[in-house]
């Protein structure tokens, strides 16, 4: 599956995301097809969530004086 390598995730994890509706897809026979635009939007959302979490952690570390200035 090309999407797994593009996302850097395992196939079982990707299938779980698809089945949970986190990433839209359609079936072609037994195969799941994901539009490239949907994949890029999903990736952008995950990247933004990751950046937001890192910013929150950095802010907390600064507030606690942990030496990350």
C-alpha atoms as a PDB file:
ATOM      1  CA  UNK A   1       0.000   0.000   0.000  1.00  0.00           C
ATOM      2  CA  UNK A   2       1.560   3.261  -1.133  1.00  0.00           C
ATOM      3  CA  UNK A   3      -0.138   5.405   1.506  1.00  0.00           C
ATOM      4  CA  UNK A   4       1.663   3.631   4.360  1.00  0.00           C
ATOM      5  CA  UNK A   5       5.052   4.465   2.966  1.00  0.00           C
ATOM      6  CA  UNK A   6       3.949   8.024   2.255  1.00  0.00           C
ATOM      7  CA  UNK A   7       2.720   8.426   5.830  1.00  0.00           C
ATOM      8  CA  UNK A   8       5.432   6.358   7.515  1.00  0.00           C
ATOM      9  CA  UNK A   9       2.865   4.178   9.257  1.00  0.00           C
ATOM     10  CA  UNK A  10       2.216   0.470   9.436  1.00  0.00           C
ATOM     11  CA  UNK A  11      -0.469  -1.083   7.296  1.00  0.00           C
ATOM     12  CA  UNK A  12      -2.615  -2.198  10.297  1.00  0.00           C
ATOM     13  CA  UNK A  13      -2.528   1.320  11.754  1.00  0.00           C
ATOM     14  CA  UNK A  14      -3.496   2.851   8.424  1.00  0.00           C
ATOM     15  CA  UNK A  15      -6.370   0.386   7.964  1.00  0.00           C
ATOM     16  CA  UNK A  16      -7.591   1.285  11.462  1.00  0.00           C
ATOM     17  CA  UNK A  17      -7.545   5.002  10.577  1.00  0.00           C
ATOM     18  CA  UNK A  18      -9.454   4.319   7.370  1.00  0.00           C
ATOM     19  CA  UNK A  19     -12.076   2.167   9.071  1.00  0.00           C
ATOM     20  CA  UNK A  20     -12.534   4.752  11.861  1.00  0.00           C
ATOM     21  CA  UNK A  21     -13.208   7.417   9.234  1.00  0.00           C
ATOM     22  CA  UNK A  22     -10.152   9.527  10.025  1.00  0.00           C
ATOM     23  CA  UNK A  23      -9.168   9.413   6.359  1.00  0.00           C
ATOM     24  CA  UNK A  24     -11.730   9.111   3.534  1.00  0.00           C
ATOM     25  CA  UNK A  25     -11.364   6.244   1.062  1.00  0.00           C
ATOM     26  CA  UNK A  26     -13.324   4.148  -1.379  1.00  0.00           C
ATOM     27  CA  UNK A  27     -13.057   0.517  -2.287  1.00  0.00           C
ATOM     28  CA  UNK A  28     -11.973  -0.873  -5.634  1.00  0.00           C
ATOM     29  CA  UNK A  29     -12.609  -4.594  -5.271  1.00  0.00           C
ATOM     30  CA  UNK A  30     -10.743  -5.670  -2.142  1.00  0.00           C
ATOM     31  CA  UNK A  31      -8.459  -2.623  -2.232  1.00  0.00           C
ATOM     32  CA  UNK A  32      -8.894   0.675  -0.421  1.00  0.00           C
ATOM     33  CA  UNK A  33      -8.194   3.805  -2.456  1.00  0.00           C
ATOM     34  CA  UNK A  34      -7.296   7.147  -0.886  1.00  0.00           C
ATOM     35  CA  UNK A  35      -7.280  10.367  -2.886  1.00  0.00           C
ATOM     36  CA  UNK A  36      -3.924  12.145  -2.843  1.00  0.00           C
ATOM     37  CA  UNK A  37      -5.579  15.459  -1.863  1.00  0.00           C
ATOM     38  CA  UNK A  38      -7.255  13.757   1.128  1.00  0.00           C
ATOM     39  CA  UNK A  39      -3.939  12.219   2.160  1.00  0.00           C
ATOM     40  CA  UNK A  40      -2.155  15.574   2.001  1.00  0.00           C
ATOM     41  CA  UNK A  41      -4.937  17.257   4.001  1.00  0.00           C
ATOM     42  CA  UNK A  42      -4.769  14.495   6.630  1.00  0.00           C
ATOM     43  CA  UNK A  43      -0.982  14.865   6.815  1.00  0.00           C
ATOM     44  CA  UNK A  44      -1.233  18.649   7.195  1.00  0.00           C
ATOM     45  CA  UNK A  45      -3.734  18.258  10.040  1.00  0.00           C
ATOM     46  CA  UNK A  46      -1.509  15.722  11.819  1.00  0.00           C
ATOM     47  CA  UNK A  47       1.558  17.918  11.345  1.00  0.00           C
ATOM     48  CA  UNK A  48      -0.288  20.938  12.768  1.00  0.00           C
ATOM     49  CA  UNK A  49      -1.494  18.934  15.769  1.00  0.00           C
ATOM     50  CA  UNK A  50       2.079  17.778  16.380  1.00  0.00           C
ATOM     51  CA  UNK A  51       3.443  21.327  16.167  1.00  0.00           C
ATOM     52  CA  UNK A  52       0.745  22.577  18.546  1.00  0.00           C
ATOM     53  CA  UNK A  53       1.589  19.845  21.058  1.00  0.00           C
ATOM     54  CA  UNK A  54       5.311  20.629  20.867  1.00  0.00           C
ATOM     55  CA  UNK A  55       4.648  24.340  21.367  1.00  0.00           C
ATOM     56  CA  UNK A  56       2.504  23.589  24.416  1.00  0.00           C
ATOM     57  CA  UNK A  57       5.214  21.351  25.875  1.00  0.00           C
ATOM     58  CA  UNK A  58       7.904  23.966  25.242  1.00  0.00           C
ATOM     59  CA  UNK A  59       5.784  26.646  26.907  1.00  0.00           C
ATOM     60  CA  UNK A  60       5.185  24.414  29.920  1.00  0.00           C
ATOM     61  CA  UNK A  61       8.916  23.643  30.179  1.00  0.00           C
ATOM     62  CA  UNK A  62       9.730  27.364  30.118  1.00  0.00           C
ATOM     63  CA  UNK A  63       7.101  28.130  32.755  1.00  0.00           C
ATOM     64  CA  UNK A  64       8.549  25.425  34.999  1.00  0.00           C
ATOM     65  CA  UNK A  65      12.110  26.700  34.463  1.00  0.00           C
ATOM     66  CA  UNK A  66      13.397  23.453  33.025  1.00  0.00           C
ATOM     67  CA  UNK A  67      16.187  25.165  31.094  1.00  0.00           C
ATOM     68  CA  UNK A  68      14.609  25.124  27.631  1.00  0.00           C
ATOM     69  CA  UNK A  69      14.916  28.779  26.757  1.00  0.00           C
END
